[in-house]
Protein backbone atom coordinates (compact mmCIF):
# COMPACT_ATOMS: atom_id res chain seq x y z
CA UNK A 1 156.59 94.72 41.72
CA UNK A 2 159.90 96.37 40.95
CA UNK A 3 162.52 94.69 38.75
CA UNK A 4 160.61 91.40 39.07
CA UNK A 5 160.81 91.47 42.87
CA UNK A 6 157.97 91.88 45.31
CA UNK A 7 157.75 95.21 47.06
CA UNK A 8 158.55 95.10 50.76
CA UNK A 9 155.69 97.51 51.46
CA UNK A 10 153.65 94.80 53.18
CA UNK A 11 155.58 95.44 56.39
CA UNK A 12 154.26 98.03 58.80
CA UNK A 13 155.61 99.79 61.86
CA UNK A 14 153.73 101.31 64.75
CA UNK A 15 155.44 104.62 65.50
CA UNK A 16 155.41 106.44 68.80
CA UNK A 17 153.33 109.61 68.97
CA UNK A 18 156.51 111.69 69.18
CA UNK A 19 158.12 110.03 66.14
CA UNK A 20 154.89 110.26 64.14
CA UNK A 21 154.40 113.96 64.90
CA UNK A 22 158.02 114.79 64.08
CA UNK A 23 157.94 112.99 60.73
CA UNK A 24 154.57 114.46 59.75
CA UNK A 25 155.74 117.95 60.74
CA UNK A 26 158.81 117.59 58.51
CA UNK A 27 156.71 116.31 55.62
CA UNK A 28 154.20 119.14 55.98
CA UNK A 29 157.03 121.68 55.82
CA UNK A 30 158.52 119.97 52.77
CA UNK A 31 155.11 119.89 51.09
CA UNK A 32 154.75 123.62 51.69
CA UNK A 33 158.20 124.26 50.27
CA UNK A 34 157.37 122.28 47.12
CA UNK A 35 154.12 124.21 46.69
CA UNK A 36 156.17 127.38 47.05
CA UNK A 37 158.51 126.26 44.28
CA UNK A 38 155.54 125.50 42.05
CA UNK A 39 154.25 129.01 42.70
CA UNK A 40 157.64 130.45 41.82
CA UNK A 41 157.61 128.62 38.48
CA UNK A 42 154.06 129.80 37.81
CA UNK A 43 155.15 133.40 38.51
CA UNK A 44 158.19 133.14 36.24
CA UNK A 45 160.64 133.71 39.09
CA UNK A 46 164.32 133.81 38.09
CA UNK A 47 165.97 130.37 37.80
CA UNK A 48 168.63 130.84 40.49
CA UNK A 49 166.03 131.84 43.07
CA UNK A 50 164.06 128.67 42.33
CA UNK A 51 167.20 126.54 42.45
CA UNK A 52 168.02 127.88 45.91
CA UNK A 53 164.58 126.77 47.09
CA UNK A 54 165.06 123.37 45.43
CA UNK A 55 168.31 122.99 47.39
CA UNK A 56 166.41 123.81 50.58
CA UNK A 57 163.84 121.10 49.81
CA UNK A 58 166.61 118.62 49.05
CA UNK A 59 168.23 119.40 52.41
CA UNK A 60 164.86 119.01 54.15
CA UNK A 61 164.27 115.63 52.50
CA UNK A 62 167.75 114.52 53.52
CA UNK A 63 166.96 115.52 57.10
CA UNK A 64 163.72 113.55 56.96
CA UNK A 65 165.61 110.51 55.62
CA UNK A 66 168.26 110.76 58.35
CA UNK A 67 165.61 110.91 61.07
CA UNK A 68 163.64 108.01 59.60
CA UNK A 69 166.77 105.90 59.10
CA UNK A 70 167.96 106.57 62.64
CA UNK A 71 164.58 105.59 64.05
CA UNK A 72 164.57 102.46 61.87
CA UNK A 73 167.99 101.37 63.11
CA UNK A 74 167.18 102.09 66.78
CA UNK A 75 163.89 100.18 66.66
CA UNK A 76 163.28 97.74 63.79
CA UNK A 77 166.88 96.69 63.19
CA UNK A 78 167.80 96.36 66.87
CA UNK A 79 164.63 94.39 67.64
CA UNK A 80 165.14 92.05 64.69
CA UNK A 81 168.76 91.38 65.66
CA UNK A 82 167.71 90.65 69.24
CA UNK A 83 165.18 88.17 67.85
CA UNK A 84 167.92 86.47 65.80
CA UNK A 85 166.78 87.78 62.42
CA UNK A 86 170.25 88.27 60.97
CA UNK A 87 168.83 88.90 57.48
CA UNK A 88 167.87 92.37 58.73
CA UNK A 89 171.55 93.34 58.60
CA UNK A 90 171.65 92.38 54.91
CA UNK A 91 168.46 94.39 54.36
CA UNK A 92 170.05 97.40 56.06
CA UNK A 93 173.24 97.10 54.00
CA UNK A 94 171.15 96.93 50.79
CA UNK A 95 169.15 99.96 51.91
CA UNK A 96 172.28 101.98 52.66
CA UNK A 97 173.67 101.05 49.26
CA UNK A 98 170.52 102.41 47.58
CA UNK A 99 170.56 105.58 49.69
CA UNK A 100 174.20 106.33 48.88
CA UNK A 101 173.83 106.26 45.06
């Protein structure tokens, strides 16, 4: 529970093979980049060189988020609206508000 509210993590989504592979590929690359940054810290690499790699990871995470959000809108949101679940629009607006902080 977060801030006294139930987590929405009980929902699931079956992803297509293509979507799944793309997201996992991105996450694997990001994981490798983070391990690389850890290695740089362990080897006492100069701060600016590490910060450049941190910026690359940040950009990669933003790309992952954009892809996931786009897929969410094209599938979950569209399907819910077609089924008359107008509360999904409010959920999307709240999500966008959190993402834009």
